Amino acid sequence: MAKQNKNKERKIGSQVVEKKSWWSNKKNRSRFWTTLILLILIYFFIVNNTREEPKEGLYPPGYQSQTEQTNNSQN
């Protein structure tokens, strides 16, 4: 049997066809950017919902806080 060279590059005519990189495939680029955007959105969602903000400023006139409303309803 004849020996086969498996490392030989594929040729079309006299041109050598180069293997395409992972990034050159449009489907892979789309998956990469979609995953990146989703990770960024999840990060900001977690940061926004886990941080505690102190209550600042005055309440509007006539506003009763929750603790005052429960105390008034019990009397």
C-alpha atoms as a PDB file:
ATOM      1  CA  MET A   1       0.000   0.000   0.000  1.00  0.00           C
ATOM      2  CA  ALA A   2       1.084   3.540  -0.630  1.00  0.00           C
ATOM      3  CA  LYS A   3       1.948   5.794   2.263  1.00  0.00           C
ATOM      4  CA  GLN A   4      -0.474   8.620   2.857  1.00  0.00           C
ATOM      5  CA  ASN A   5       0.716  11.980   4.110  1.00  0.00           C
ATOM      6  CA  LYS A   6      -1.925  13.238   6.579  1.00  0.00           C
ATOM      7  CA  ASN A   7      -0.171  16.566   7.202  1.00  0.00           C
ATOM      8  CA  LYS A   8      -0.555  17.657   3.597  1.00  0.00           C
ATOM      9  CA  GLU A   9      -2.585  20.841   3.117  1.00  0.00           C
ATOM     10  CA  ARG A  10      -5.601  20.757   0.866  1.00  0.00           C
ATOM     11  CA  LYS A  11      -5.069  22.402  -2.507  1.00  0.00           C
ATOM     12  CA  ILE A  12      -7.524  23.662  -5.064  1.00  0.00           C
ATOM     13  CA  GLY A  13      -5.702  24.037  -8.338  1.00  0.00           C
ATOM     14  CA  SER A  14      -2.385  25.652  -7.578  1.00  0.00           C
ATOM     15  CA  GLN A  15      -3.731  27.688  -4.615  1.00  0.00           C
ATOM     16  CA  VAL A  16      -3.291  26.596  -1.027  1.00  0.00           C
ATOM     17  CA  VAL A  17      -6.499  26.852   1.005  1.00  0.00           C
ATOM     18  CA  GLU A  18      -5.765  28.115   4.504  1.00  0.00           C
ATOM     19  CA  LYS A  19      -7.774  26.943   7.460  1.00  0.00           C
ATOM     20  CA  LYS A  20     -10.095  29.598   8.785  1.00  0.00           C
ATOM     21  CA  SER A  21      -9.635  30.791  12.323  1.00  0.00           C
ATOM     22  CA  TRP A  22     -12.316  30.449  14.984  1.00  0.00           C
ATOM     23  CA  TRP A  23     -12.972  34.199  14.930  1.00  0.00           C
ATOM     24  CA  SER A  24     -13.564  34.350  11.173  1.00  0.00           C
ATOM     25  CA  ASN A  25     -16.738  32.266  11.498  1.00  0.00           C
ATOM     26  CA  LYS A  26     -19.685  34.678  11.826  1.00  0.00           C
ATOM     27  CA  LYS A  27     -21.658  32.248  14.005  1.00  0.00           C
ATOM     28  CA  ASN A  28     -18.842  32.059  16.566  1.00  0.00           C
ATOM     29  CA  ARG A  29     -18.428  35.844  16.682  1.00  0.00           C
ATOM     30  CA  SER A  30     -22.163  36.223  17.279  1.00  0.00           C
ATOM     31  CA  ARG A  31     -22.082  33.694  20.125  1.00  0.00           C
ATOM     32  CA  PHE A  32     -19.096  35.470  21.690  1.00  0.00           C
ATOM     33  CA  TRP A  33     -20.706  38.934  21.673  1.00  0.00           C
ATOM     34  CA  THR A  34     -24.065  37.585  22.897  1.00  0.00           C
ATOM     35  CA  THR A  35     -22.369  35.805  25.802  1.00  0.00           C
ATOM     36  CA  LEU A  36     -20.287  38.874  26.651  1.00  0.00           C
ATOM     37  CA  ILE A  37     -23.334  41.173  26.708  1.00  0.00           C
ATOM     38  CA  LEU A  38     -25.336  38.727  28.824  1.00  0.00           C
ATOM     39  CA  LEU A  39     -22.489  38.435  31.351  1.00  0.00           C
ATOM     40  CA  ILE A  40     -22.238  42.216  31.610  1.00  0.00           C
ATOM     41  CA  LEU A  41     -26.005  42.549  32.103  1.00  0.00           C
ATOM     42  CA  ILE A  42     -26.034  39.844  34.790  1.00  0.00           C
ATOM     43  CA  TYR A  43     -23.131  41.565  36.572  1.00  0.00           C
ATOM     44  CA  PHE A  44     -24.918  44.932  36.661  1.00  0.00           C
ATOM     45  CA  PHE A  45     -28.191  43.267  37.720  1.00  0.00           C
ATOM     46  CA  ILE A  46     -26.467  41.618  40.691  1.00  0.00           C
ATOM     47  CA  VAL A  47     -24.571  44.779  41.679  1.00  0.00           C
ATOM     48  CA  ASN A  48     -27.701  46.916  41.447  1.00  0.00           C
ATOM     49  CA  ASN A  49     -29.820  44.582  43.576  1.00  0.00           C
ATOM     50  CA  THR A  50     -27.283  43.775  46.284  1.00  0.00           C
ATOM     51  CA  ARG A  51     -26.162  47.260  47.234  1.00  0.00           C
ATOM     52  CA  GLU A  52     -27.988  49.095  49.978  1.00  0.00           C
ATOM     53  CA  GLU A  53     -28.626  52.793  49.668  1.00  0.00           C
ATOM     54  CA  PRO A  54     -29.202  54.888  52.781  1.00  0.00           C
ATOM     55  CA  LYS A  55     -32.432  56.801  53.018  1.00  0.00           C
ATOM     56  CA  GLU A  56     -31.676  60.420  52.308  1.00  0.00           C
ATOM     57  CA  GLY A  57     -33.640  63.611  52.251  1.00  0.00           C
ATOM     58  CA  LEU A  58     -36.973  64.699  53.640  1.00  0.00           C
ATOM     59  CA  TYR A  59     -40.287  63.024  53.045  1.00  0.00           C
ATOM     60  CA  PRO A  60     -43.094  64.916  51.292  1.00  0.00           C
ATOM     61  CA  PRO A  61     -45.512  66.863  53.523  1.00  0.00           C
ATOM     62  CA  GLY A  62     -48.212  64.652  55.057  1.00  0.00           C
ATOM     63  CA  TYR A  63     -46.273  61.402  54.430  1.00  0.00           C
ATOM     64  CA  GLN A  64     -46.306  58.821  57.215  1.00  0.00           C
ATOM     65  CA  SER A  65     -43.617  56.147  57.258  1.00  0.00           C
ATOM     66  CA  GLN A  66     -44.547  52.464  57.585  1.00  0.00           C
ATOM     67  CA  THR A  67     -43.677  52.345  61.298  1.00  0.00           C
ATOM     68  CA  GLU A  68     -45.935  55.331  62.080  1.00  0.00           C
ATOM     69  CA  GLN A  69     -48.812  53.822  60.080  1.00  0.00           C
ATOM     70  CA  THR A  70     -48.648  50.543  62.024  1.00  0.00           C
ATOM     71  CA  ASN A  71     -48.385  52.362  65.374  1.00  0.00           C
ATOM     72  CA  ASN A  72     -51.425  54.530  64.552  1.00  0.00           C
ATOM     73  CA  SER A  73     -53.533  51.575  63.463  1.00  0.00           C
ATOM     74  CA  GLN A  74     -52.858  49.678  66.707  1.00  0.00           C
ATOM     75  CA  ASN A  75     -54.028  52.587  68.956  1.00  0.00           C
END
